[in-house]
């Protein structure tokens, strides 16, 4: 009953008051998008219109439809984030983030944001029929002060809350170092309802509970398929650009189930550094 009553009213409001917004896929007349935001706002017309129009305007300004493999290739080749080739046991596409490969002081914030949005779109495009959510895996092994980025975290949380609501089924924080937990208490309030989706777990837990025995190489090397792709891609680019051989970058951080040999960083130093960045960002 709520859908039958709310849906036409919302469409009429959009058509009457927001004629300047685009139509078509992900536009003001997109049936799936309208229903999704209605459900997110519990069929409240005013709230649904507000959130939906904000999302449509953002997609237009951010030029989401223009994002492609080529436009994000430079950062994608680092292996810092990608959509895994396999679905999890619940049929959810898997978005993997390797925290130790994120260097905010050396990278452009806009490029990172574009890669993030492109991968979310890619993961959602792989949703099987009947599925609506994705699994996020954050590999925190090797995480240090040089990888902390409050500004990007805030962007990530806003993206999922405002523009991709209810698209995260669960978020795994894998092998988070002890020094991360004081930071978590600062980050947690920003997550809103997403905080309840976060589970802290070990790397061993990932293949045992979130994948099946038929997942290629999952028990030996969770990311082996992706790692080979990156290595082959880099070699291919190297041969095209220069007759010299180019060695692929170290892949130890890419292997989610590999053994990380990084050094531990003092919790006090990391916390102080993070607090400085937090104060600057706020």
C-alpha atoms as a PDB file:
ATOM      1  CA  UNK A   1       0.000   0.000   0.000  1.00  0.00           C
ATOM      2  CA  UNK A   2       2.815   2.413   0.921  1.00  0.00           C
ATOM      3  CA  UNK A   3       4.514   1.852  -2.441  1.00  0.00           C
ATOM      4  CA  UNK A   4       1.295   2.346  -4.427  1.00  0.00           C
ATOM      5  CA  UNK A   5       0.547   5.617  -2.641  1.00  0.00           C
ATOM      6  CA  UNK A   6       4.058   7.063  -2.428  1.00  0.00           C
ATOM      7  CA  UNK A   7       5.447   6.158  -5.837  1.00  0.00           C
ATOM      8  CA  UNK A   8       3.051   8.262  -8.013  1.00  0.00           C
ATOM      9  CA  UNK A   9       3.244  11.212  -5.622  1.00  0.00           C
ATOM     10  CA  UNK A  10       7.030  11.234  -5.705  1.00  0.00           C
ATOM     11  CA  UNK A  11       7.098  10.979  -9.508  1.00  0.00           C
ATOM     12  CA  UNK A  12       4.647  13.859  -9.814  1.00  0.00           C
ATOM     13  CA  UNK A  13       6.724  16.009  -7.477  1.00  0.00           C
ATOM     14  CA  UNK A  14       9.910  15.296  -9.421  1.00  0.00           C
ATOM     15  CA  UNK A  15       8.240  16.006 -12.758  1.00  0.00           C
ATOM     16  CA  UNK A  16       6.680  19.239 -11.532  1.00  0.00           C
ATOM     17  CA  UNK A  17       9.434  20.779  -9.397  1.00  0.00           C
ATOM     18  CA  UNK A  18      12.641  19.264 -10.810  1.00  0.00           C
ATOM     19  CA  UNK A  19      12.260  19.412 -14.576  1.00  0.00           C
ATOM     20  CA  UNK A  20      15.882  20.495 -14.925  1.00  0.00           C
ATOM     21  CA  UNK A  21      17.145  17.146 -13.626  1.00  0.00           C
ATOM     22  CA  UNK A  22      18.155  14.529 -16.223  1.00  0.00           C
ATOM     23  CA  UNK A  23      15.877  11.631 -17.150  1.00  0.00           C
ATOM     24  CA  UNK A  24      16.713   8.055 -18.090  1.00  0.00           C
ATOM     25  CA  UNK A  25      18.911   5.666 -16.133  1.00  0.00           C
ATOM     26  CA  UNK A  26      19.704   7.126 -12.694  1.00  0.00           C
ATOM     27  CA  UNK A  27      17.532  10.127 -13.558  1.00  0.00           C
ATOM     28  CA  UNK A  28      14.359  11.583 -12.036  1.00  0.00           C
ATOM     29  CA  UNK A  29      12.128   9.119 -13.934  1.00  0.00           C
ATOM     30  CA  UNK A  30      14.206   5.999 -13.192  1.00  0.00           C
ATOM     31  CA  UNK A  31      11.667   3.627 -11.596  1.00  0.00           C
ATOM     32  CA  UNK A  32      14.261   1.499  -9.798  1.00  0.00           C
ATOM     33  CA  UNK A  33      16.051   4.518  -8.370  1.00  0.00           C
ATOM     34  CA  UNK A  34      12.798   6.110  -7.194  1.00  0.00           C
ATOM     35  CA  UNK A  35      11.705   2.927  -5.417  1.00  0.00           C
ATOM     36  CA  UNK A  36      15.132   2.462  -3.866  1.00  0.00           C
ATOM     37  CA  UNK A  37      15.183   5.900  -2.268  1.00  0.00           C
ATOM     38  CA  UNK A  38      11.556   5.546  -1.180  1.00  0.00           C
ATOM     39  CA  UNK A  39      12.433   2.374   0.711  1.00  0.00           C
ATOM     40  CA  UNK A  40      15.539   4.006   2.145  1.00  0.00           C
ATOM     41  CA  UNK A  41      13.455   6.891   3.539  1.00  0.00           C
ATOM     42  CA  UNK A  42      10.643   4.575   4.699  1.00  0.00           C
ATOM     43  CA  UNK A  43       8.292   6.009   2.045  1.00  0.00           C
ATOM     44  CA  UNK A  44       8.447   9.548   3.357  1.00  0.00           C
ATOM     45  CA  UNK A  45       7.818  11.659   0.232  1.00  0.00           C
ATOM     46  CA  UNK A  46       9.580  14.824   1.377  1.00  0.00           C
ATOM     47  CA  UNK A  47      12.685  13.020   2.623  1.00  0.00           C
ATOM     48  CA  UNK A  48      12.794  10.777  -0.449  1.00  0.00           C
ATOM     49  CA  UNK A  49      12.594  13.729  -2.838  1.00  0.00           C
ATOM     50  CA  UNK A  50      15.319  15.575  -0.937  1.00  0.00           C
ATOM     51  CA  UNK A  51      17.728  12.646  -0.886  1.00  0.00           C
ATOM     52  CA  UNK A  52      16.975  11.443  -4.403  1.00  0.00           C
ATOM     53  CA  UNK A  53      17.400  14.859  -6.033  1.00  0.00           C
ATOM     54  CA  UNK A  54      20.635  15.384  -4.126  1.00  0.00           C
ATOM     55  CA  UNK A  55      21.925  12.056  -5.447  1.00  0.00           C
ATOM     56  CA  UNK A  56      20.913  12.834  -9.036  1.00  0.00           C
ATOM     57  CA  UNK A  57      22.581  16.265  -8.912  1.00  0.00           C
ATOM     58  CA  UNK A  58      25.726  14.739  -7.439  1.00  0.00           C
ATOM     59  CA  UNK A  59      25.906  12.084 -10.164  1.00  0.00           C
ATOM     60  CA  UNK A  60      25.564  14.828 -12.769  1.00  0.00           C
ATOM     61  CA  UNK A  61      28.233  17.073 -11.207  1.00  0.00           C
ATOM     62  CA  UNK A  62      30.620  14.206 -10.463  1.00  0.00           C
ATOM     63  CA  UNK A  63      30.083  12.883 -14.010  1.00  0.00           C
ATOM     64  CA  UNK A  64      29.609   9.327 -12.792  1.00  0.00           C
ATOM     65  CA  UNK A  65      28.449   8.119 -16.210  1.00  0.00           C
ATOM     66  CA  UNK A  66      31.778   9.190 -17.744  1.00  0.00           C
ATOM     67  CA  UNK A  67      33.956   7.109 -15.404  1.00  0.00           C
ATOM     68  CA  UNK A  68      35.709   4.189 -17.104  1.00  0.00           C
ATOM     69  CA  UNK A  69      38.547   1.682 -16.687  1.00  0.00           C
ATOM     70  CA  UNK A  70      40.791   4.037 -18.650  1.00  0.00           C
ATOM     71  CA  UNK A  71      39.962   7.110 -16.557  1.00  0.00           C
ATOM     72  CA  UNK A  72      40.978   5.405 -13.288  1.00  0.00           C
ATOM     73  CA  UNK A  73      43.709   3.129 -14.654  1.00  0.00           C
ATOM     74  CA  UNK A  74      46.686   4.864 -13.019  1.00  0.00           C
ATOM     75  CA  UNK A  75      45.468   4.370  -9.457  1.00  0.00           C
ATOM     76  CA  UNK A  76      43.756   1.064 -10.204  1.00  0.00           C
ATOM     77  CA  UNK A  77      47.092  -0.454 -11.272  1.00  0.00           C
ATOM     78  CA  UNK A  78      48.488   0.102  -7.776  1.00  0.00           C
ATOM     79  CA  UNK A  79      46.133  -2.577  -6.470  1.00  0.00           C
ATOM     80  CA  UNK A  80      44.907  -0.301  -3.676  1.00  0.00           C
ATOM     81  CA  UNK A  81      41.277  -1.114  -4.420  1.00  0.00           C
ATOM     82  CA  UNK A  82      39.367  -3.345  -6.822  1.00  0.00           C
ATOM     83  CA  UNK A  83      36.286  -5.473  -7.324  1.00  0.00           C
ATOM     84  CA  UNK A  84      37.098  -9.139  -6.805  1.00  0.00           C
ATOM     85  CA  UNK A  85      36.375 -11.609  -9.578  1.00  0.00           C
ATOM     86  CA  UNK A  86      34.206 -13.820  -7.341  1.00  0.00           C
ATOM     87  CA  UNK A  87      31.015 -13.306  -5.349  1.00  0.00           C
ATOM     88  CA  UNK A  88      30.902 -14.152  -1.645  1.00  0.00           C
ATOM     89  CA  UNK A  89      28.871 -17.031  -0.153  1.00  0.00           C
ATOM     90  CA  UNK A  90      25.774 -14.831  -0.053  1.00  0.00           C
ATOM     91  CA  UNK A  91      26.077 -13.869  -3.700  1.00  0.00           C
ATOM     92  CA  UNK A  92      27.339 -10.350  -3.001  1.00  0.00           C
ATOM     93  CA  UNK A  93      29.969  -8.664  -5.214  1.00  0.00           C
ATOM     94  CA  UNK A  94      33.155  -7.973  -3.244  1.00  0.00           C
ATOM     95  CA  UNK A  95      34.922  -4.598  -3.110  1.00  0.00           C
ATOM     96  CA  UNK A  96      38.448  -4.871  -1.661  1.00  0.00           C
ATOM     97  CA  UNK A  97      40.494  -1.964  -0.271  1.00  0.00           C
ATOM     98  CA  UNK A  98      44.170  -2.386   0.667  1.00  0.00           C
ATOM     99  CA  UNK A  99      44.841   0.359   3.219  1.00  0.00           C
ATOM    100  CA  UNK A 100      48.636   0.063   3.128  1.00  0.00           C
ATOM    101  CA  UNK A 101      48.628   1.076  -0.546  1.00  0.00           C
ATOM    102  CA  UNK A 102      46.812   4.355   0.054  1.00  0.00           C
ATOM    103  CA  UNK A 103      49.144   7.374   0.242  1.00  0.00           C
ATOM    104  CA  UNK A 104      47.060  10.567   0.484  1.00  0.00           C
ATOM    105  CA  UNK A 105      50.089  12.878   0.597  1.00  0.00           C
ATOM    106  CA  UNK A 106      51.310  11.544  -2.748  1.00  0.00           C
ATOM    107  CA  UNK A 107      47.990  11.185  -4.559  1.00  0.00           C
ATOM    108  CA  UNK A 108      45.271  13.473  -5.834  1.00  0.00           C
ATOM    109  CA  UNK A 109      42.100  13.399  -3.726  1.00  0.00           C
ATOM    110  CA  UNK A 110      39.821  13.728  -6.758  1.00  0.00           C
ATOM    111  CA  UNK A 111      41.488  10.766  -8.461  1.00  0.00           C
ATOM    112  CA  UNK A 112      40.952   8.656  -5.348  1.00  0.00           C
ATOM    113  CA  UNK A 113      37.302   9.680  -5.231  1.00  0.00           C
ATOM    114  CA  UNK A 114      36.804   8.787  -8.899  1.00  0.00           C
ATOM    115  CA  UNK A 115      38.366   5.357  -8.387  1.00  0.00           C
ATOM    116  CA  UNK A 116      36.141   4.812  -5.358  1.00  0.00           C
ATOM    117  CA  UNK A 117      32.920   5.694  -7.193  1.00  0.00           C
ATOM    118  CA  UNK A 118      33.901   3.748 -10.305  1.00  0.00           C
ATOM    119  CA  UNK A 119      34.494   0.602  -8.244  1.00  0.00           C
ATOM    120  CA  UNK A 120      31.204   0.995  -6.372  1.00  0.00           C
ATOM    121  CA  UNK A 121      29.407   1.284  -9.716  1.00  0.00           C
ATOM    122  CA  UNK A 122      31.308  -1.728 -11.032  1.00  0.00           C
ATOM    123  CA  UNK A 123      30.436  -3.825  -7.981  1.00  0.00           C
ATOM    124  CA  UNK A 124      26.753  -2.886  -8.242  1.00  0.00           C
ATOM    125  CA  UNK A 125      26.736  -3.782 -11.939  1.00  0.00           C
ATOM    126  CA  UNK A 126      27.697  -7.328 -10.933  1.00  0.00           C
ATOM    127  CA  UNK A 127      24.745  -7.840  -8.592  1.00  0.00           C
ATOM    128  CA  UNK A 128      22.975 -11.123  -9.414  1.00  0.00           C
ATOM    129  CA  UNK A 129      19.187 -11.099  -9.771  1.00  0.00           C
ATOM    130  CA  UNK A 130      17.552 -10.765  -6.385  1.00  0.00           C
ATOM    131  CA  UNK A 131      20.650  -9.297  -4.703  1.00  0.00           C
ATOM    132  CA  UNK A 132      20.947  -5.649  -3.683  1.00  0.00           C
ATOM    133  CA  UNK A 133      24.062  -5.288  -1.523  1.00  0.00           C
ATOM    134  CA  UNK A 134      27.835  -5.608  -1.761  1.00  0.00           C
ATOM    135  CA  UNK A 135      30.530  -6.789   0.654  1.00  0.00           C
ATOM    136  CA  UNK A 136      33.364  -4.412   1.509  1.00  0.00           C
ATOM    137  CA  UNK A 137      36.725  -5.806   2.657  1.00  0.00           C
ATOM    138  CA  UNK A 138      39.343  -3.460   4.116  1.00  0.00           C
ATOM    139  CA  UNK A 139      42.785  -5.051   4.483  1.00  0.00           C
ATOM    140  CA  UNK A 140      44.515  -3.151   7.297  1.00  0.00           C
ATOM    141  CA  UNK A 141      47.771  -5.091   7.433  1.00  0.00           C
ATOM    142  CA  UNK A 142      50.699  -2.724   7.169  1.00  0.00           C
ATOM    143  CA  UNK A 143      48.506   0.298   7.934  1.00  0.00           C
ATOM    144  CA  UNK A 144      50.507   3.280   9.233  1.00  0.00           C
ATOM    145  CA  UNK A 145      50.372   7.035   9.660  1.00  0.00           C
ATOM    146  CA  UNK A 146      51.214   7.604   6.003  1.00  0.00           C
ATOM    147  CA  UNK A 147      48.032   5.726   5.042  1.00  0.00           C
ATOM    148  CA  UNK A 148      45.553   7.528   7.321  1.00  0.00           C
ATOM    149  CA  UNK A 149      43.205   9.834   5.438  1.00  0.00           C
ATOM    150  CA  UNK A 150      40.310  11.371   7.352  1.00  0.00           C
ATOM    151  CA  UNK A 151      39.167  13.469   4.393  1.00  0.00           C
ATOM    152  CA  UNK A 152      38.776  10.447   2.134  1.00  0.00           C
ATOM    153  CA  UNK A 153      37.041   8.439   4.867  1.00  0.00           C
ATOM    154  CA  UNK A 154      34.525  11.229   5.254  1.00  0.00           C
ATOM    155  CA  UNK A 155      33.946  11.213   1.483  1.00  0.00           C
ATOM    156  CA  UNK A 156      33.497   7.434   1.509  1.00  0.00           C
ATOM    157  CA  UNK A 157      30.961   7.521   4.324  1.00  0.00           C
ATOM    158  CA  UNK A 158      29.004  10.345   2.670  1.00  0.00           C
ATOM    159  CA  UNK A 159      28.939   8.506  -0.654  1.00  0.00           C
ATOM    160  CA  UNK A 160      27.371   5.408   0.849  1.00  0.00           C
ATOM    161  CA  UNK A 161      24.964   7.325   3.066  1.00  0.00           C
ATOM    162  CA  UNK A 162      23.696   9.933   0.594  1.00  0.00           C
ATOM    163  CA  UNK A 163      24.216   8.454  -2.861  1.00  0.00           C
ATOM    164  CA  UNK A 164      24.324   4.660  -2.429  1.00  0.00           C
ATOM    165  CA  UNK A 165      22.095   4.076   0.625  1.00  0.00           C
ATOM    166  CA  UNK A 166      21.637   0.508   1.861  1.00  0.00           C
ATOM    167  CA  UNK A 167      24.094  -0.858  -0.692  1.00  0.00           C
ATOM    168  CA  UNK A 168      26.579  -2.173   1.879  1.00  0.00           C
ATOM    169  CA  UNK A 169      25.610  -5.590   3.193  1.00  0.00           C
ATOM    170  CA  UNK A 170      28.641  -5.912   5.459  1.00  0.00           C
ATOM    171  CA  UNK A 171      32.104  -4.403   5.912  1.00  0.00           C
ATOM    172  CA  UNK A 172      35.088  -6.469   7.063  1.00  0.00           C
ATOM    173  CA  UNK A 173      38.062  -4.804   8.747  1.00  0.00           C
ATOM    174  CA  UNK A 174      40.789  -7.410   8.287  1.00  0.00           C
ATOM    175  CA  UNK A 175      43.728  -7.662  10.705  1.00  0.00           C
ATOM    176  CA  UNK A 176      43.405  -4.155  12.077  1.00  0.00           C
ATOM    177  CA  UNK A 177      46.482  -3.235  14.153  1.00  0.00           C
ATOM    178  CA  UNK A 178      46.080  -2.474  17.858  1.00  0.00           C
ATOM    179  CA  UNK A 179      46.842   1.181  17.179  1.00  0.00           C
ATOM    180  CA  UNK A 180      43.730   1.442  15.001  1.00  0.00           C
ATOM    181  CA  UNK A 181      41.183   0.951  17.782  1.00  0.00           C
ATOM    182  CA  UNK A 182      41.577   4.391  19.417  1.00  0.00           C
ATOM    183  CA  UNK A 183      41.073   5.840  15.938  1.00  0.00           C
ATOM    184  CA  UNK A 184      37.976   3.705  15.461  1.00  0.00           C
ATOM    185  CA  UNK A 185      36.308   5.460  18.373  1.00  0.00           C
ATOM    186  CA  UNK A 186      36.755   8.747  16.488  1.00  0.00           C
ATOM    187  CA  UNK A 187      35.598   7.358  13.154  1.00  0.00           C
ATOM    188  CA  UNK A 188      32.632   5.321  14.391  1.00  0.00           C
ATOM    189  CA  UNK A 189      30.200   8.249  14.924  1.00  0.00           C
ATOM    190  CA  UNK A 190      30.716   9.318  11.300  1.00  0.00           C
ATOM    191  CA  UNK A 191      29.558   5.941  10.039  1.00  0.00           C
ATOM    192  CA  UNK A 192      26.007   6.454  11.260  1.00  0.00           C
ATOM    193  CA  UNK A 193      24.057   3.243  10.666  1.00  0.00           C
ATOM    194  CA  UNK A 194      26.995   1.727   8.776  1.00  0.00           C
ATOM    195  CA  UNK A 195      28.871   1.208  12.060  1.00  0.00           C
ATOM    196  CA  UNK A 196      26.728  -1.832  12.833  1.00  0.00           C
ATOM    197  CA  UNK A 197      27.785  -3.396   9.517  1.00  0.00           C
ATOM    198  CA  UNK A 198      31.480  -3.430  10.449  1.00  0.00           C
ATOM    199  CA  UNK A 199      33.069  -6.665  11.621  1.00  0.00           C
ATOM    200  CA  UNK A 200      36.666  -6.935  12.806  1.00  0.00           C
ATOM    201  CA  UNK A 201      38.186 -10.239  11.735  1.00  0.00           C
ATOM    202  CA  UNK A 202      41.420 -12.010  10.813  1.00  0.00           C
ATOM    203  CA  UNK A 203      42.597 -12.819   7.300  1.00  0.00           C
ATOM    204  CA  UNK A 204      41.965 -16.516   8.001  1.00  0.00           C
ATOM    205  CA  UNK A 205      38.287 -15.785   8.597  1.00  0.00           C
ATOM    206  CA  UNK A 206      37.691 -14.377   5.118  1.00  0.00           C
ATOM    207  CA  UNK A 207      37.996 -17.590   3.042  1.00  0.00           C
ATOM    208  CA  UNK A 208      36.438 -19.784   5.726  1.00  0.00           C
ATOM    209  CA  UNK A 209      33.253 -17.798   6.286  1.00  0.00           C
ATOM    210  CA  UNK A 210      32.766 -15.590   3.249  1.00  0.00           C
ATOM    211  CA  UNK A 211      33.758 -17.780   0.314  1.00  0.00           C
ATOM    212  CA  UNK A 212      33.223 -21.348  -0.838  1.00  0.00           C
ATOM    213  CA  UNK A 213      35.597 -24.157  -1.733  1.00  0.00           C
ATOM    214  CA  UNK A 214      34.801 -23.562  -5.395  1.00  0.00           C
ATOM    215  CA  UNK A 215      36.137 -20.000  -5.267  1.00  0.00           C
ATOM    216  CA  UNK A 216      39.392 -20.082  -7.319  1.00  0.00           C
ATOM    217  CA  UNK A 217      42.459 -20.321  -5.033  1.00  0.00           C
ATOM    218  CA  UNK A 218      40.586 -18.712  -2.153  1.00  0.00           C
ATOM    219  CA  UNK A 219      42.175 -20.932   0.505  1.00  0.00           C
ATOM    220  CA  UNK A 220      45.693 -20.313  -0.779  1.00  0.00           C
ATOM    221  CA  UNK A 221      45.651 -16.799  -2.128  1.00  0.00           C
ATOM    222  CA  UNK A 222      42.416 -14.814  -1.987  1.00  0.00           C
ATOM    223  CA  UNK A 223      43.643 -12.258  -4.494  1.00  0.00           C
ATOM    224  CA  UNK A 224      45.718 -14.464  -6.768  1.00  0.00           C
ATOM    225  CA  UNK A 225      43.466 -13.893  -9.776  1.00  0.00           C
ATOM    226  CA  UNK A 226      43.649 -10.126  -9.416  1.00  0.00           C
ATOM    227  CA  UNK A 227      47.370 -10.177  -8.684  1.00  0.00           C
ATOM    228  CA  UNK A 228      48.111 -12.034 -11.909  1.00  0.00           C
ATOM    229  CA  UNK A 229      45.973  -9.542 -13.834  1.00  0.00           C
ATOM    230  CA  UNK A 230      47.880  -6.564 -12.402  1.00  0.00           C
ATOM    231  CA  UNK A 231      51.277  -8.161 -13.056  1.00  0.00           C
ATOM    232  CA  UNK A 232      50.392  -9.095 -16.636  1.00  0.00           C
ATOM    233  CA  UNK A 233      48.893  -5.645 -17.276  1.00  0.00           C
ATOM    234  CA  UNK A 234      52.034  -3.892 -16.047  1.00  0.00           C
ATOM    235  CA  UNK A 235      54.296  -6.148 -18.111  1.00  0.00           C
ATOM    236  CA  UNK A 236      52.146  -5.542 -21.185  1.00  0.00           C
ATOM    237  CA  UNK A 237      52.306  -1.767 -20.728  1.00  0.00           C
ATOM    238  CA  UNK A 238      56.052  -1.989 -20.110  1.00  0.00           C
ATOM    239  CA  UNK A 239      56.713  -3.878 -23.343  1.00  0.00           C
ATOM    240  CA  UNK A 240      54.669  -1.375 -25.335  1.00  0.00           C
ATOM    241  CA  UNK A 241      56.417   1.668 -23.910  1.00  0.00           C
ATOM    242  CA  UNK A 242      59.998   0.484 -23.610  1.00  0.00           C
ATOM    243  CA  UNK A 243      62.203  -2.435 -24.722  1.00  0.00           C
ATOM    244  CA  UNK A 244      63.485  -2.720 -21.160  1.00  0.00           C
ATOM    245  CA  UNK A 245      61.776  -5.018 -18.697  1.00  0.00           C
ATOM    246  CA  UNK A 246      59.827  -3.342 -15.945  1.00  0.00           C
ATOM    247  CA  UNK A 247      59.564  -5.164 -12.647  1.00  0.00           C
ATOM    248  CA  UNK A 248      56.045  -5.245 -11.193  1.00  0.00           C
ATOM    249  CA  UNK A 249      55.575  -3.497  -7.860  1.00  0.00           C
ATOM    250  CA  UNK A 250      55.825  -5.570  -4.645  1.00  0.00           C
ATOM    251  CA  UNK A 251      52.613  -7.524  -4.227  1.00  0.00           C
ATOM    252  CA  UNK A 252      52.798  -8.532  -0.565  1.00  0.00           C
ATOM    253  CA  UNK A 253      50.116  -6.006   0.431  1.00  0.00           C
ATOM    254  CA  UNK A 254      47.878  -7.090  -2.417  1.00  0.00           C
ATOM    255  CA  UNK A 255      47.681 -10.659  -1.062  1.00  0.00           C
ATOM    256  CA  UNK A 256      44.899 -10.501   1.475  1.00  0.00           C
ATOM    257  CA  UNK A 257      45.726 -13.957   2.806  1.00  0.00           C
ATOM    258  CA  UNK A 258      49.489 -13.643   2.408  1.00  0.00           C
ATOM    259  CA  UNK A 259      51.891 -12.936   5.261  1.00  0.00           C
ATOM    260  CA  UNK A 260      52.661  -9.292   5.841  1.00  0.00           C
ATOM    261  CA  UNK A 261      56.221  -8.538   6.900  1.00  0.00           C
ATOM    262  CA  UNK A 262      55.742  -4.859   7.688  1.00  0.00           C
ATOM    263  CA  UNK A 263      57.112  -3.321  10.876  1.00  0.00           C
ATOM    264  CA  UNK A 264      54.853  -2.340  13.760  1.00  0.00           C
ATOM    265  CA  UNK A 265      54.432   1.364  14.387  1.00  0.00           C
ATOM    266  CA  UNK A 266      54.014   2.786  17.861  1.00  0.00           C
ATOM    267  CA  UNK A 267      50.355   3.381  18.692  1.00  0.00           C
ATOM    268  CA  UNK A 268      51.141   6.680  20.352  1.00  0.00           C
ATOM    269  CA  UNK A 269      52.879   8.067  17.263  1.00  0.00           C
ATOM    270  CA  UNK A 270      50.078   6.968  14.944  1.00  0.00           C
ATOM    271  CA  UNK A 271      47.358   8.367  17.190  1.00  0.00           C
ATOM    272  CA  UNK A 272      49.095  11.740  17.474  1.00  0.00           C
ATOM    273  CA  UNK A 273      49.574  11.916  13.709  1.00  0.00           C
ATOM    274  CA  UNK A 274      45.953  10.987  13.065  1.00  0.00           C
ATOM    275  CA  UNK A 275      44.698  13.567  15.554  1.00  0.00           C
ATOM    276  CA  UNK A 276      46.701  16.249  13.734  1.00  0.00           C
ATOM    277  CA  UNK A 277      45.106  15.249  10.420  1.00  0.00           C
ATOM    278  CA  UNK A 278      41.682  15.084  12.032  1.00  0.00           C
ATOM    279  CA  UNK A 279      42.033  18.591  13.440  1.00  0.00           C
ATOM    280  CA  UNK A 280      43.098  19.897  10.031  1.00  0.00           C
ATOM    281  CA  UNK A 281      40.235  18.160   8.220  1.00  0.00           C
ATOM    282  CA  UNK A 282      37.609  19.400  10.647  1.00  0.00           C
END
